[in-house]
Amino acid sequence: MGQITFVEHDDTKHVVEFEAGSSLMQVAVDNAIPGIDGDCGGECACGTCHVILSHEWFSKLGAPADNEEQMLSMTPERASSSRLGCQVIVTDEMDGVTVHLPEFQM
């Protein structure tokens, strides 16, 4: 078990616990993080779980797959280290990671 900090666009922080093996989206939804809806249930089909990682973590996790890239291409607040939370599986090594949320989701 570890902790992740979700930071809203207005700098409001939410520190939550996670179990390895869940997606960032599921961790956020399970903890009622504002701004993460996960409307498609993790199928990479809606873009309502857009998160912005640090460049360090983006590099460690790798680039988005083609289907994720297509969803992100429609995201108005996309950053160079954007990912869809449903496509990022948390690991024990992610303990302490900070994830930023855009102001608006798809």
PDB file of N, CA and C in Angstrom:
ATOM      1  N   MET A   1       0.840  -1.175   0.000  1.00  0.00           N
ATOM      2  CA  MET A   1       0.000   0.000   0.000  1.00  0.00           C
ATOM      3  C   MET A   1       0.890   1.245   0.000  1.00  0.00           C
ATOM      4  N   GLY A   2       0.443   2.276  -0.704  1.00  0.00           N
ATOM      5  CA  GLY A   2       1.204   3.515  -0.771  1.00  0.00           C
ATOM      6  C   GLY A   2       0.268   4.709  -0.833  1.00  0.00           C
ATOM      7  N   GLN A   3       0.845   5.872  -1.058  1.00  0.00           N
ATOM      8  CA  GLN A   3       0.064   7.099  -1.143  1.00  0.00           C
ATOM      9  C   GLN A   3       0.336   7.820  -2.454  1.00  0.00           C
ATOM     10  N   ILE A   4      -0.717   8.420  -2.988  1.00  0.00           N
ATOM     11  CA  ILE A   4      -0.643   9.259  -4.179  1.00  0.00           C
ATOM     12  C   ILE A   4      -1.280  10.588  -3.819  1.00  0.00           C
ATOM     13  N   THR A   5      -0.691  11.677  -4.290  1.00  0.00           N
ATOM     14  CA  THR A   5      -1.284  12.997  -4.107  1.00  0.00           C
ATOM     15  C   THR A   5      -1.854  13.457  -5.434  1.00  0.00           C
ATOM     16  N   PHE A   6      -3.146  13.719  -5.461  1.00  0.00           N
ATOM     17  CA  PHE A   6      -3.817  14.298  -6.614  1.00  0.00           C
ATOM     18  C   PHE A   6      -3.931  15.793  -6.355  1.00  0.00           C
ATOM     19  N   VAL A   7      -3.507  16.605  -7.319  1.00  0.00           N
ATOM     20  CA  VAL A   7      -3.540  18.057  -7.169  1.00  0.00           C
ATOM     21  C   VAL A   7      -4.485  18.630  -8.210  1.00  0.00           C
ATOM     22  N   GLU A   8      -5.557  19.262  -7.733  1.00  0.00           N
ATOM     23  CA  GLU A   8      -6.510  19.888  -8.643  1.00  0.00           C
ATOM     24  C   GLU A   8      -5.886  21.127  -9.278  1.00  0.00           C
ATOM     25  N   HIS A   9      -6.528  21.646 -10.318  1.00  0.00           N
ATOM     26  CA  HIS A   9      -6.009  22.819 -11.038  1.00  0.00           C
ATOM     27  C   HIS A   9      -5.872  24.042 -10.133  1.00  0.00           C
ATOM     28  N   ASP A  10      -6.640  24.089  -9.031  1.00  0.00           N
ATOM     29  CA  ASP A  10      -6.560  25.226  -8.103  1.00  0.00           C
ATOM     30  C   ASP A  10      -5.599  24.954  -6.941  1.00  0.00           C
ATOM     31  N   ASP A  11      -4.793  23.919  -7.074  1.00  0.00           N
ATOM     32  CA  ASP A  11      -3.785  23.495  -6.093  1.00  0.00           C
ATOM     33  C   ASP A  11      -4.347  22.804  -4.851  1.00  0.00           C
ATOM     34  N   THR A  12      -5.626  22.464  -4.856  1.00  0.00           N
ATOM     35  CA  THR A  12      -6.183  21.669  -3.764  1.00  0.00           C
ATOM     36  C   THR A  12      -5.588  20.272  -3.857  1.00  0.00           C
ATOM     37  N   LYS A  13      -5.057  19.788  -2.733  1.00  0.00           N
ATOM     38  CA  LYS A  13      -4.382  18.491  -2.717  1.00  0.00           C
ATOM     39  C   LYS A  13      -5.234  17.445  -2.019  1.00  0.00           C
ATOM     40  N   HIS A  14      -5.195  16.243  -2.566  1.00  0.00           N
ATOM     41  CA  HIS A  14      -5.890  15.093  -1.986  1.00  0.00           C
ATOM     42  C   HIS A  14      -4.868  13.964  -1.894  1.00  0.00           C
ATOM     43  N   VAL A  15      -4.508  13.585  -0.682  1.00  0.00           N
ATOM     44  CA  VAL A  15      -3.571  12.483  -0.470  1.00  0.00           C
ATOM     45  C   VAL A  15      -4.397  11.237  -0.155  1.00  0.00           C
ATOM     46  N   VAL A  16      -4.229  10.207  -0.975  1.00  0.00           N
ATOM     47  CA  VAL A  16      -5.020   8.988  -0.819  1.00  0.00           C
ATOM     48  C   VAL A  16      -4.107   7.769  -0.833  1.00  0.00           C
ATOM     49  N   GLU A  17      -4.606   6.707  -0.269  1.00  0.00           N
ATOM     50  CA  GLU A  17      -3.866   5.446  -0.276  1.00  0.00           C
ATOM     51  C   GLU A  17      -4.276   4.619  -1.484  1.00  0.00           C
ATOM     52  N   PHE A  18      -3.360   3.791  -1.936  1.00  0.00           N
ATOM     53  CA  PHE A  18      -3.641   2.915  -3.062  1.00  0.00           C
ATOM     54  C   PHE A  18      -3.049   1.544  -2.816  1.00  0.00           C
ATOM     55  N   GLU A  19      -3.590   0.584  -3.548  1.00  0.00           N
ATOM     56  CA  GLU A  19      -3.015  -0.755  -3.594  1.00  0.00           C
ATOM     57  C   GLU A  19      -2.476  -0.969  -4.991  1.00  0.00           C
ATOM     58  N   ALA A  20      -1.292  -1.484  -5.097  1.00  0.00           N
ATOM     59  CA  ALA A  20      -0.691  -1.755  -6.400  1.00  0.00           C
ATOM     60  C   ALA A  20      -1.612  -2.646  -7.217  1.00  0.00           C
ATOM     61  N   GLY A  21      -1.655  -2.359  -8.514  1.00  0.00           N
ATOM     62  CA  GLY A  21      -2.471  -3.150  -9.423  1.00  0.00           C
ATOM     63  C   GLY A  21      -3.720  -2.435  -9.881  1.00  0.00           C
ATOM     64  N   SER A  22      -4.128  -1.397  -9.175  1.00  0.00           N
ATOM     65  CA  SER A  22      -5.270  -0.584  -9.597  1.00  0.00           C
ATOM     66  C   SER A  22      -4.789   0.459 -10.598  1.00  0.00           C
ATOM     67  N   SER A  23      -5.714   1.018 -11.342  1.00  0.00           N
ATOM     68  CA  SER A  23      -5.350   2.119 -12.234  1.00  0.00           C
ATOM     69  C   SER A  23      -5.437   3.437 -11.457  1.00  0.00           C
ATOM     70  N   LEU A  24      -4.744   4.453 -11.957  1.00  0.00           N
ATOM     71  CA  LEU A  24      -4.859   5.779 -11.348  1.00  0.00           C
ATOM     72  C   LEU A  24      -6.311   6.239 -11.335  1.00  0.00           C
ATOM     73  N   MET A  25      -7.034   5.947 -12.422  1.00  0.00           N
ATOM     74  CA  MET A  25      -8.447   6.323 -12.483  1.00  0.00           C
ATOM     75  C   MET A  25      -9.238   5.658 -11.367  1.00  0.00           C
ATOM     76  N   GLN A  26      -9.025   4.371 -11.153  1.00  0.00           N
ATOM     77  CA  GLN A  26      -9.779   3.653 -10.129  1.00  0.00           C
ATOM     78  C   GLN A  26      -9.446   4.171  -8.742  1.00  0.00           C
ATOM     79  N   VAL A  27      -8.180   4.466  -8.494  1.00  0.00           N
ATOM     80  CA  VAL A  27      -7.785   5.034  -7.203  1.00  0.00           C
ATOM     81  C   VAL A  27      -8.510   6.358  -6.991  1.00  0.00           C
ATOM     82  N   ALA A  28      -8.549   7.197  -8.031  1.00  0.00           N
ATOM     83  CA  ALA A  28      -9.209   8.497  -7.927  1.00  0.00           C
ATOM     84  C   ALA A  28     -10.712   8.341  -7.703  1.00  0.00           C
ATOM     85  N   VAL A  29     -11.355   7.480  -8.478  1.00  0.00           N
ATOM     86  CA  VAL A  29     -12.799   7.278  -8.346  1.00  0.00           C
ATOM     87  C   VAL A  29     -13.137   6.702  -6.974  1.00  0.00           C
ATOM     88  N   ASP A  30     -12.364   5.720  -6.522  1.00  0.00           N
ATOM     89  CA  ASP A  30     -12.610   5.109  -5.211  1.00  0.00           C
ATOM     90  C   ASP A  30     -12.485   6.114  -4.075  1.00  0.00           C
ATOM     91  N   ASN A  31     -11.724   7.179  -4.304  1.00  0.00           N
ATOM     92  CA  ASN A  31     -11.505   8.193  -3.268  1.00  0.00           C
ATOM     93  C   ASN A  31     -12.223   9.503  -3.568  1.00  0.00           C
ATOM     94  N   ALA A  32     -13.156   9.473  -4.517  1.00  0.00           N
ATOM     95  CA  ALA A  32     -13.992  10.636  -4.862  1.00  0.00           C
ATOM     96  C   ALA A  32     -13.168  11.884  -5.163  1.00  0.00           C
ATOM     97  N   ILE A  33     -12.096  11.707  -5.936  1.00  0.00           N
ATOM     98  CA  ILE A  33     -11.272  12.843  -6.327  1.00  0.00           C
ATOM     99  C   ILE A  33     -12.056  13.682  -7.339  1.00  0.00           C
ATOM    100  N   PRO A  34     -12.290  14.965  -7.033  1.00  0.00           N
ATOM    101  CA  PRO A  34     -13.032  15.814  -7.973  1.00  0.00           C
ATOM    102  C   PRO A  34     -12.291  15.936  -9.299  1.00  0.00           C
ATOM    103  N   GLY A  35     -13.041  15.847 -10.391  1.00  0.00           N
ATOM    104  CA  GLY A  35     -12.442  16.031 -11.708  1.00  0.00           C
ATOM    105  C   GLY A  35     -12.049  14.751 -12.413  1.00  0.00           C
ATOM    106  N   ILE A  36     -12.105  13.630 -11.731  1.00  0.00           N
ATOM    107  CA  ILE A  36     -11.850  12.338 -12.388  1.00  0.00           C
ATOM    108  C   ILE A  36     -13.172  11.581 -12.389  1.00  0.00           C
ATOM    109  N   ASP A  37     -13.751  11.471 -13.587  1.00  0.00           N
ATOM    110  CA  ASP A  37     -15.057  10.829 -13.695  1.00  0.00           C
ATOM    111  C   ASP A  37     -14.962   9.366 -14.086  1.00  0.00           C
ATOM    112  N   GLY A  38     -14.095   9.050 -15.030  1.00  0.00           N
ATOM    113  CA  GLY A  38     -13.974   7.669 -15.477  1.00  0.00           C
ATOM    114  C   GLY A  38     -15.268   7.145 -16.064  1.00  0.00           C
ATOM    115  N   ASP A  39     -15.899   7.954 -16.899  1.00  0.00           N
ATOM    116  CA  ASP A  39     -17.217   7.618 -17.447  1.00  0.00           C
ATOM    117  C   ASP A  39     -17.260   6.281 -18.173  1.00  0.00           C
ATOM    118  N   CYS A  40     -16.181   5.905 -18.847  1.00  0.00           N
ATOM    119  CA  CYS A  40     -16.210   4.653 -19.622  1.00  0.00           C
ATOM    120  C   CYS A  40     -15.790   3.444 -18.783  1.00  0.00           C
ATOM    121  N   GLY A  41     -15.482   3.665 -17.522  1.00  0.00           N
ATOM    122  CA  GLY A  41     -15.118   2.554 -16.649  1.00  0.00           C
ATOM    123  C   GLY A  41     -13.731   1.991 -16.888  1.00  0.00           C
ATOM    124  N   GLY A  42     -12.877   2.769 -17.534  1.00  0.00           N
ATOM    125  CA  GLY A  42     -11.503   2.313 -17.740  1.00  0.00           C
ATOM    126  C   GLY A  42     -11.238   1.690 -19.078  1.00  0.00           C
ATOM    127  N   GLU A  43     -12.098   1.912 -20.041  1.00  0.00           N
ATOM    128  CA  GLU A  43     -11.962   1.304 -21.371  1.00  0.00           C
ATOM    129  C   GLU A  43     -11.196   2.175 -22.364  1.00  0.00           C
ATOM    130  N   CYS A  44     -10.633   3.280 -21.912  1.00  0.00           N
ATOM    131  CA  CYS A  44      -9.876   4.186 -22.777  1.00  0.00           C
ATOM    132  C   CYS A  44     -10.750   4.712 -23.917  1.00  0.00           C
ATOM    133  N   ALA A  45     -11.993   5.090 -23.573  1.00  0.00           N
ATOM    134  CA  ALA A  45     -12.939   5.494 -24.602  1.00  0.00           C
ATOM    135  C   ALA A  45     -13.602   6.841 -24.344  1.00  0.00           C
ATOM    136  N   CYS A  46     -13.199   7.557 -23.286  1.00  0.00           N
ATOM    137  CA  CYS A  46     -13.915   8.803 -23.006  1.00  0.00           C
ATOM    138  C   CYS A  46     -13.003   9.980 -22.676  1.00  0.00           C
ATOM    139  N   GLY A  47     -11.854   9.761 -22.132  1.00  0.00           N
ATOM    140  CA  GLY A  47     -10.946  10.852 -21.800  1.00  0.00           C
ATOM    141  C   GLY A  47     -11.299  11.614 -20.540  1.00  0.00           C
ATOM    142  N   THR A  48     -12.176  11.075 -19.682  1.00  0.00           N
ATOM    143  CA  THR A  48     -12.574  11.792 -18.467  1.00  0.00           C
ATOM    144  C   THR A  48     -11.710  11.441 -17.256  1.00  0.00           C
ATOM    145  N   CYS A  49     -10.544  10.896 -17.523  1.00  0.00           N
ATOM    146  CA  CYS A  49      -9.600  10.583 -16.440  1.00  0.00           C
ATOM    147  C   CYS A  49      -8.203  11.125 -16.780  1.00  0.00           C
ATOM    148  N   HIS A  50      -8.178  12.210 -17.528  1.00  0.00           N
ATOM    149  CA  HIS A  50      -6.928  12.845 -17.945  1.00  0.00           C
ATOM    150  C   HIS A  50      -6.138  13.291 -16.717  1.00  0.00           C
ATOM    151  N   VAL A  51      -4.879  12.896 -16.657  1.00  0.00           N
ATOM    152  CA  VAL A  51      -3.971  13.311 -15.588  1.00  0.00           C
ATOM    153  C   VAL A  51      -2.669  13.805 -16.212  1.00  0.00           C
ATOM    154  N   ILE A  52      -1.960  14.602 -15.460  1.00  0.00           N
ATOM    155  CA  ILE A  52      -0.669  15.110 -15.912  1.00  0.00           C
ATOM    156  C   ILE A  52       0.378  14.651 -14.913  1.00  0.00           C
ATOM    157  N   LEU A  53       1.314  13.879 -15.405  1.00  0.00           N
ATOM    158  CA  LEU A  53       2.385  13.323 -14.571  1.00  0.00           C
ATOM    159  C   LEU A  53       3.613  14.217 -14.637  1.00  0.00           C
ATOM    160  N   SER A  54       4.497  14.032 -13.690  1.00  0.00           N
ATOM    161  CA  SER A  54       5.796  14.690 -13.800  1.00  0.00           C
ATOM    162  C   SER A  54       6.518  14.072 -14.994  1.00  0.00           C
ATOM    163  N   HIS A  55       7.449  14.790 -15.578  1.00  0.00           N
ATOM    164  CA  HIS A  55       8.182  14.244 -16.725  1.00  0.00           C
ATOM    165  C   HIS A  55       8.963  12.987 -16.322  1.00  0.00           C
ATOM    166  N   GLU A  56       9.424  12.959 -15.088  1.00  0.00           N
ATOM    167  CA  GLU A  56      10.151  11.782 -14.600  1.00  0.00           C
ATOM    168  C   GLU A  56       9.257  10.539 -14.640  1.00  0.00           C
ATOM    169  N   TRP A  57       8.037  10.651 -14.105  1.00  0.00           N
ATOM    170  CA  TRP A  57       7.141   9.503 -14.085  1.00  0.00           C
ATOM    171  C   TRP A  57       6.615   9.179 -15.466  1.00  0.00           C
ATOM    172  N   PHE A  58       6.385  10.187 -16.283  1.00  0.00           N
ATOM    173  CA  PHE A  58       5.949   9.933 -17.651  1.00  0.00           C
ATOM    174  C   PHE A  58       6.998   9.084 -18.366  1.00  0.00           C
ATOM    175  N   SER A  59       8.266   9.422 -18.181  1.00  0.00           N
ATOM    176  CA  SER A  59       9.354   8.662 -18.803  1.00  0.00           C
ATOM    177  C   SER A  59       9.404   7.227 -18.288  1.00  0.00           C
ATOM    178  N   LYS A  60       9.200   7.066 -16.990  1.00  0.00           N
ATOM    179  CA  LYS A  60       9.243   5.727 -16.403  1.00  0.00           C
ATOM    180  C   LYS A  60       8.093   4.849 -16.874  1.00  0.00           C
ATOM    181  N   LEU A  61       6.937   5.460 -17.081  1.00  0.00           N
ATOM    182  CA  LEU A  61       5.743   4.686 -17.450  1.00  0.00           C
ATOM    183  C   LEU A  61       5.626   4.436 -18.939  1.00  0.00           C
ATOM    184  N   GLY A  62       6.325   5.213 -19.725  1.00  0.00           N
ATOM    185  CA  GLY A  62       6.284   5.022 -21.166  1.00  0.00           C
ATOM    186  C   GLY A  62       5.206   5.840 -21.846  1.00  0.00           C
ATOM    187  N   ALA A  63       5.303   5.901 -23.130  1.00  0.00           N
ATOM    188  CA  ALA A  63       4.379   6.699 -23.939  1.00  0.00           C
ATOM    189  C   ALA A  63       3.013   6.015 -24.024  1.00  0.00           C
ATOM    190  N   PRO A  64       1.977   6.799 -24.273  1.00  0.00           N
ATOM    191  CA  PRO A  64       0.637   6.222 -24.438  1.00  0.00           C
ATOM    192  C   PRO A  64       0.562   5.318 -25.669  1.00  0.00           C
ATOM    193  N   ALA A  65      -0.264   4.288 -25.577  1.00  0.00           N
ATOM    194  CA  ALA A  65      -0.540   3.426 -26.734  1.00  0.00           C
ATOM    195  C   ALA A  65      -1.386   4.213 -27.734  1.00  0.00           C
ATOM    196  N   ASP A  66      -1.551   3.673 -28.939  1.00  0.00           N
ATOM    197  CA  ASP A  66      -2.271   4.378 -30.004  1.00  0.00           C
ATOM    198  C   ASP A  66      -3.680   4.797 -29.599  1.00  0.00           C
ATOM    199  N   ASN A  67      -4.442   3.907 -28.969  1.00  0.00           N
ATOM    200  CA  ASN A  67      -5.817   4.258 -28.597  1.00  0.00           C
ATOM    201  C   ASN A  67      -5.849   5.363 -27.540  1.00  0.00           C
ATOM    202  N   GLU A  68      -4.913   5.320 -26.610  1.00  0.00           N
ATOM    203  CA  GLU A  68      -4.821   6.378 -25.601  1.00  0.00           C
ATOM    204  C   GLU A  68      -4.392   7.692 -26.255  1.00  0.00           C
ATOM    205  N   GLU A  69      -3.455   7.613 -27.167  1.00  0.00           N
ATOM    206  CA  GLU A  69      -2.989   8.797 -27.885  1.00  0.00           C
ATOM    207  C   GLU A  69      -4.142   9.463 -28.631  1.00  0.00           C
ATOM    208  N   GLN A  70      -5.011   8.675 -29.236  1.00  0.00           N
ATOM    209  CA  GLN A  70      -6.166   9.227 -29.946  1.00  0.00           C
ATOM    210  C   GLN A  70      -7.092   9.984 -29.003  1.00  0.00           C
ATOM    211  N   MET A  71      -7.344   9.432 -27.829  1.00  0.00           N
ATOM    212  CA  MET A  71      -8.200  10.119 -26.849  1.00  0.00           C
ATOM    213  C   MET A  71      -7.523  11.393 -26.355  1.00  0.00           C
ATOM    214  N   LEU A  72      -6.234  11.319 -26.079  1.00  0.00           N
ATOM    215  CA  LEU A  72      -5.512  12.494 -25.583  1.00  0.00           C
ATOM    216  C   LEU A  72      -5.437  13.605 -26.628  1.00  0.00           C
ATOM    217  N   SER A  73      -5.443  13.237 -27.905  1.00  0.00           N
ATOM    218  CA  SER A  73      -5.339  14.246 -28.960  1.00  0.00           C
ATOM    219  C   SER A  73      -6.554  15.174 -28.982  1.00  0.00           C
ATOM    220  N   MET A  74      -7.642  14.772 -28.368  1.00  0.00           N
ATOM    221  CA  MET A  74      -8.849  15.596 -28.312  1.00  0.00           C
ATOM    222  C   MET A  74      -8.956  16.391 -27.014  1.00  0.00           C
ATOM    223  N   THR A  75      -7.963  16.258 -26.152  1.00  0.00           N
ATOM    224  CA  THR A  75      -7.994  16.894 -24.841  1.00  0.00           C
ATOM    225  C   THR A  75      -7.444  18.315 -24.932  1.00  0.00           C
ATOM    226  N   PRO A  76      -8.272  19.321 -24.610  1.00  0.00           N
ATOM    227  CA  PRO A  76      -7.824  20.700 -24.774  1.00  0.00           C
ATOM    228  C   PRO A  76      -6.666  21.112 -23.852  1.00  0.00           C
ATOM    229  N   GLU A  77      -6.547  20.505 -22.696  1.00  0.00           N
ATOM    230  CA  GLU A  77      -5.496  20.877 -21.749  1.00  0.00           C
ATOM    231  C   GLU A  77      -4.344  19.876 -21.732  1.00  0.00           C
ATOM    232  N   ARG A  78      -4.136  19.213 -22.829  1.00  0.00           N
ATOM    233  CA  ARG A  78      -3.085  18.211 -22.889  1.00  0.00           C
ATOM    234  C   ARG A  78      -1.711  18.841 -22.651  1.00  0.00           C
ATOM    235  N   ALA A  79      -0.924  18.150 -21.869  1.00  0.00           N
ATOM    236  CA  ALA A  79       0.460  18.551 -21.601  1.00  0.00           C
ATOM    237  C   ALA A  79       1.377  17.482 -22.195  1.00  0.00           C
ATOM    238  N   SER A  80       2.646  17.767 -22.249  1.00  0.00           N
ATOM    239  CA  SER A  80       3.588  16.808 -22.828  1.00  0.00           C
ATOM    240  C   SER A  80       3.703  15.526 -21.996  1.00  0.00           C
ATOM    241  N   SER A  81       3.248  15.576 -20.743  1.00  0.00           N
ATOM    242  CA  SER A  81       3.299  14.384 -19.894  1.00  0.00           C
ATOM    243  C   SER A  81       1.899  13.918 -19.488  1.00  0.00           C
ATOM    244  N   SER A  82       0.910  14.190 -20.347  1.00  0.00           N
ATOM    245  CA  SER A  82      -0.463  13.747 -20.084  1.00  0.00           C
ATOM    246  C   SER A  82      -0.618  12.254 -20.334  1.00  0.00           C
ATOM    247  N   ARG A  83      -1.454  11.658 -19.519  1.00  0.00           N
ATOM    248  CA  ARG A  83      -1.868  10.264 -19.703  1.00  0.00           C
ATOM    249  C   ARG A  83      -3.325  10.163 -19.304  1.00  0.00           C
ATOM    250  N   LEU A  84      -3.969   9.081 -19.683  1.00  0.00           N
ATOM    251  CA  LEU A  84      -5.288   8.769 -19.175  1.00  0.00           C
ATOM    252  C   LEU A  84      -5.085   7.885 -17.953  1.00  0.00           C
ATOM    253  N   GLY A  85      -5.693   8.269 -16.856  1.00  0.00           N
ATOM    254  CA  GLY A  85      -5.508   7.538 -15.607  1.00  0.00           C
ATOM    255  C   GLY A  85      -5.918   6.085 -15.689  1.00  0.00           C
ATOM    256  N   CYS A  86      -6.872   5.764 -16.572  1.00  0.00           N
ATOM    257  CA  CYS A  86      -7.314   4.372 -16.706  1.00  0.00           C
ATOM    258  C   CYS A  86      -6.243   3.492 -17.326  1.00  0.00           C
ATOM    259  N   GLN A  87      -5.257   4.091 -17.959  1.00  0.00           N
ATOM    260  CA  GLN A  87      -4.210   3.329 -18.635  1.00  0.00           C
ATOM    261  C   GLN A  87      -2.913   3.248 -17.833  1.00  0.00           C
ATOM    262  N   VAL A  88      -2.909   3.857 -16.647  1.00  0.00           N
ATOM    263  CA  VAL A  88      -1.721   3.843 -15.792  1.00  0.00           C
ATOM    264  C   VAL A  88      -1.999   2.947 -14.593  1.00  0.00           C
ATOM    265  N   ILE A  89      -1.341   1.820 -14.541  1.00  0.00           N
ATOM    266  CA  ILE A  89      -1.483   0.889 -13.420  1.00  0.00           C
ATOM    267  C   ILE A  89      -0.455   1.262 -12.356  1.00  0.00           C
ATOM    268  N   VAL A  90      -0.951   1.491 -11.138  1.00  0.00           N
ATOM    269  CA  VAL A  90      -0.048   1.917 -10.070  1.00  0.00           C
ATOM    270  C   VAL A  90       0.745   0.735  -9.536  1.00  0.00           C
ATOM    271  N   THR A  91       1.982   1.030  -9.188  1.00  0.00           N
ATOM    272  CA  THR A  91       2.895   0.036  -8.631  1.00  0.00           C
ATOM    273  C   THR A  91       3.379   0.542  -7.276  1.00  0.00           C
ATOM    274  N   ASP A  92       3.948  -0.360  -6.508  1.00  0.00           N
ATOM    275  CA  ASP A  92       4.486   0.034  -5.204  1.00  0.00           C
ATOM    276  C   ASP A  92       5.528   1.151  -5.342  1.00  0.00           C
ATOM    277  N   GLU A  93       6.250   1.157  -6.460  1.00  0.00           N
ATOM    278  CA  GLU A  93       7.278   2.173  -6.687  1.00  0.00           C
ATOM    279  C   GLU A  93       6.681   3.570  -6.835  1.00  0.00           C
ATOM    280  N   MET A  94       5.375   3.661  -7.077  1.00  0.00           N
ATOM    281  CA  MET A  94       4.725   4.961  -7.255  1.00  0.00           C
ATOM    282  C   MET A  94       4.326   5.602  -5.931  1.00  0.00           C
ATOM    283  N   ASP A  95       4.674   4.981  -4.821  1.00  0.00           N
ATOM    284  CA  ASP A  95       4.371   5.557  -3.512  1.00  0.00           C
ATOM    285  C   ASP A  95       4.954   6.965  -3.431  1.00  0.00           C
ATOM    286  N   GLY A  96       4.113   7.932  -3.121  1.00  0.00           N
ATOM    287  CA  GLY A  96       4.555   9.318  -2.987  1.00  0.00           C
ATOM    288  C   GLY A  96       4.431  10.155  -4.249  1.00  0.00           C
ATOM    289  N   VAL A  97       3.995   9.555  -5.360  1.00  0.00           N
ATOM    290  CA  VAL A  97       3.891  10.293  -6.616  1.00  0.00           C
ATOM    291  C   VAL A  97       2.800  11.368  -6.499  1.00  0.00           C
ATOM    292  N   THR A  98       3.012  12.467  -7.211  1.00  0.00           N
ATOM    293  CA  THR A  98       2.030  13.541  -7.304  1.00  0.00           C
ATOM    294  C   THR A  98       1.492  13.576  -8.724  1.00  0.00           C
ATOM    295  N   VAL A  99       0.176  13.631  -8.841  1.00  0.00           N
ATOM    296  CA  VAL A  99      -0.515  13.637 -10.129  1.00  0.00           C
ATOM    297  C   VAL A  99      -1.321  14.922 -10.207  1.00  0.00           C
ATOM    298  N   HIS A 100      -1.154  15.673 -11.276  1.00  0.00           N
ATOM    299  CA  HIS A 100      -1.902  16.919 -11.452  1.00  0.00           C
ATOM    300  C   HIS A 100      -3.112  16.677 -12.345  1.00  0.00           C
ATOM    301  N   LEU A 101      -4.180  17.409 -12.049  1.00  0.00           N
ATOM    302  CA  LEU A 101      -5.423  17.286 -12.799  1.00  0.00           C
ATOM    303  C   LEU A 101      -5.676  18.562 -13.585  1.00  0.00           C
ATOM    304  N   PRO A 102      -6.173  18.426 -14.814  1.00  0.00           N
ATOM    305  CA  PRO A 102      -6.498  19.621 -15.591  1.00  0.00           C
ATOM    306  C   PRO A 102      -7.755  20.289 -15.024  1.00  0.00           C
ATOM    307  N   GLU A 103      -7.994  21.511 -15.458  1.00  0.00           N
ATOM    308  CA  GLU A 103      -9.200  22.198 -14.998  1.00  0.00           C
ATOM    309  C   GLU A 103     -10.452  21.534 -15.539  1.00  0.00           C
ATOM    310  N   PHE A 104     -10.407  21.096 -16.798  1.00  0.00           N
ATOM    311  CA  PHE A 104     -11.567  20.501 -17.445  1.00  0.00           C
ATOM    312  C   PHE A 104     -11.215  19.129 -18.001  1.00  0.00           C
ATOM    313  N   GLN A 105     -12.182  18.217 -17.940  1.00  0.00           N
ATOM    314  CA  GLN A 105     -12.040  16.920 -18.572  1.00  0.00           C
ATOM    315  C   GLN A 105     -12.880  16.920 -19.838  1.00  0.00           C
ATOM    316  N   MET A 106     -12.736  15.897 -20.646  1.00  0.00           N
ATOM    317  CA  MET A 106     -13.527  15.758 -21.879  1.00  0.00           C
ATOM    318  C   MET A 106     -14.998  15.653 -21.531  1.00  0.00           C
TER     319      MET A 106
END
